Amino acid sequence: MLEHFENPRNVGTLDKAAPDVSSALEKSGQCGLVVRAQLQFGLDGRVVECRWKTFGCGALVGSMSWLSEWARGRALTELLAPPMALLTEELALTGDRLHCGEFAATALRSAAEQALAKLAAK
């Protein structure tokens, strides 16, 4: 996790007005976490780019960084069920840090659902 926390990948934003970009904002009133996950997707239903910003702890930063790397090139439907076992193993998430990984996955899943809805509307 330390590598993804110290050198997070894919931090930033995409043009949320673009027709091939989906954006999800997740907030946790319980612990104050905030994540915006954005996906740029192709007509083939695959992720072209993934960007994110967060206000949260190192576990959340590491989780979003890892998930953004994992998501690139995958089918949007794969993002509906991110590999939590692999994420927790790769980042050594335990105890209360598991919640951060789950929260990051929720943001990614929400962005994928929005992207699928946009594709279905075309």
Protein backbone atom coordinates (compact mmCIF):
# COMPACT_ATOMS: atom_id res chain seq x y z
CA MET A 1 0.00 0.00 0.00
CA LEU A 2 2.85 2.36 0.78
CA GLU A 3 3.90 2.50 -2.89
CA HIS A 4 0.39 3.48 -4.05
CA PHE A 5 0.07 5.98 -1.21
CA GLU A 6 3.43 7.66 -1.81
CA ASN A 7 3.13 7.54 -5.62
CA PRO A 8 -0.59 7.44 -6.42
CA ARG A 9 -1.48 6.76 -10.03
CA ASN A 10 -4.17 8.41 -12.14
CA VAL A 11 -5.07 11.26 -9.78
CA GLY A 12 -6.98 14.01 -11.53
CA THR A 13 -10.17 14.66 -13.43
CA LEU A 14 -11.71 14.06 -16.82
CA ASP A 15 -14.17 16.32 -18.65
CA LYS A 16 -17.43 15.33 -16.96
CA ALA A 17 -19.42 16.93 -19.82
CA ALA A 18 -17.90 14.55 -22.38
CA PRO A 19 -20.32 11.89 -23.64
CA ASP A 20 -17.76 9.13 -23.07
CA VAL A 21 -17.04 10.04 -19.43
CA SER A 22 -18.91 8.92 -16.35
CA SER A 23 -18.44 10.43 -12.92
CA ALA A 24 -19.42 9.24 -9.45
CA LEU A 25 -19.11 11.12 -6.18
CA GLU A 26 -19.32 9.05 -3.01
CA LYS A 27 -19.41 10.49 0.50
CA SER A 28 -19.31 8.71 3.83
CA GLY A 29 -20.90 10.69 6.62
CA GLN A 30 -19.70 8.06 9.08
CA CYS A 31 -15.97 8.71 8.68
CA GLY A 32 -15.73 11.74 6.39
CA LEU A 33 -14.37 10.00 3.29
CA VAL A 34 -15.05 11.56 -0.12
CA VAL A 35 -14.13 10.07 -3.50
CA ARG A 36 -14.80 11.15 -7.07
CA ALA A 37 -14.17 8.38 -9.57
CA GLN A 38 -14.31 9.05 -13.30
CA LEU A 39 -14.13 6.70 -16.24
CA GLN A 40 -13.58 7.36 -19.89
CA PHE A 41 -14.98 4.48 -21.91
CA GLY A 42 -15.11 3.34 -25.50
CA LEU A 43 -18.11 2.25 -27.54
CA ASP A 44 -16.89 -1.31 -26.99
CA GLY A 45 -17.67 -0.95 -23.26
CA ARG A 46 -14.05 -0.95 -22.12
CA VAL A 47 -12.36 1.53 -19.82
CA VAL A 48 -9.97 3.82 -21.68
CA GLU A 49 -8.98 6.00 -18.72
CA CYS A 50 -9.70 6.16 -15.00
CA ARG A 51 -9.14 9.25 -12.85
CA TRP A 52 -9.98 10.00 -9.26
CA LYS A 53 -9.66 12.49 -6.41
CA THR A 54 -10.22 11.83 -2.75
CA PHE A 55 -10.32 13.30 0.69
CA GLY A 56 -9.40 10.47 3.00
CA CYS A 57 -6.71 8.35 4.57
CA GLY A 58 -3.72 6.58 3.03
CA ALA A 59 -5.66 3.33 2.70
CA LEU A 60 -8.28 5.09 0.58
CA VAL A 61 -5.62 6.80 -1.58
CA GLY A 62 -3.83 3.49 -2.07
CA SER A 63 -7.08 1.68 -2.87
CA MET A 64 -8.15 4.22 -5.49
CA SER A 65 -4.69 4.23 -7.04
CA TRP A 66 -4.62 0.42 -7.29
CA LEU A 67 -8.20 0.18 -8.58
CA SER A 68 -7.57 2.86 -11.22
CA GLU A 69 -4.66 0.81 -12.56
CA TRP A 70 -6.68 -2.40 -12.42
CA ALA A 71 -9.68 -0.84 -14.24
CA ARG A 72 -7.87 0.39 -17.33
CA GLY A 73 -8.66 -1.77 -20.35
CA ARG A 74 -11.32 -3.83 -18.57
CA ALA A 75 -14.93 -4.21 -19.57
CA LEU A 76 -17.26 -1.91 -17.64
CA THR A 77 -19.20 -4.95 -16.46
CA GLU A 78 -16.06 -6.22 -14.70
CA LEU A 79 -16.03 -3.03 -12.62
CA LEU A 80 -19.42 -3.93 -11.15
CA ALA A 81 -17.63 -6.51 -9.00
CA PRO A 82 -14.08 -5.27 -8.29
CA PRO A 83 -11.71 -7.99 -7.00
CA MET A 84 -11.85 -7.17 -3.30
CA ALA A 85 -9.82 -10.22 -2.26
CA LEU A 86 -7.01 -9.22 -4.62
CA LEU A 87 -7.19 -5.56 -3.56
CA THR A 88 -6.99 -6.39 0.15
CA GLU A 89 -4.14 -8.83 -0.48
CA GLU A 90 -2.14 -6.47 -2.71
CA LEU A 91 -2.50 -3.53 -0.29
CA ALA A 92 -2.48 -5.59 2.91
CA LEU A 93 -5.76 -4.00 4.04
CA THR A 94 -6.89 -5.28 7.42
CA GLY A 95 -9.20 -4.23 10.22
CA ASP A 96 -10.78 -0.82 9.81
CA ARG A 97 -8.79 -0.24 6.59
CA LEU A 98 -10.97 -2.80 4.80
CA HIS A 99 -13.73 -0.19 4.81
CA CYS A 100 -11.52 2.14 2.74
CA GLY A 101 -11.04 -0.50 0.05
CA GLU A 102 -14.77 -1.21 -0.03
CA PHE A 103 -15.53 2.51 -0.24
CA ALA A 104 -13.13 2.92 -3.18
CA ALA A 105 -14.74 -0.06 -4.91
CA THR A 106 -18.18 1.49 -4.40
CA ALA A 107 -17.08 4.69 -6.14
CA LEU A 108 -15.63 2.74 -9.07
CA ARG A 109 -18.77 0.61 -9.30
CA SER A 110 -20.99 3.71 -9.34
CA ALA A 111 -18.96 5.24 -12.17
CA ALA A 112 -19.22 1.97 -14.12
CA GLU A 113 -23.00 1.85 -13.64
CA GLN A 114 -23.32 5.39 -14.96
CA ALA A 115 -21.10 4.53 -17.95
CA LEU A 116 -23.20 1.48 -18.77
CA ALA A 117 -26.35 3.60 -18.60
CA LYS A 118 -24.82 6.12 -21.02
CA LEU A 119 -23.87 3.36 -23.45
CA ALA A 120 -27.34 1.82 -23.26
CA ALA A 121 -28.91 5.20 -24.09
CA LYS A 122 -26.93 5.47 -27.34
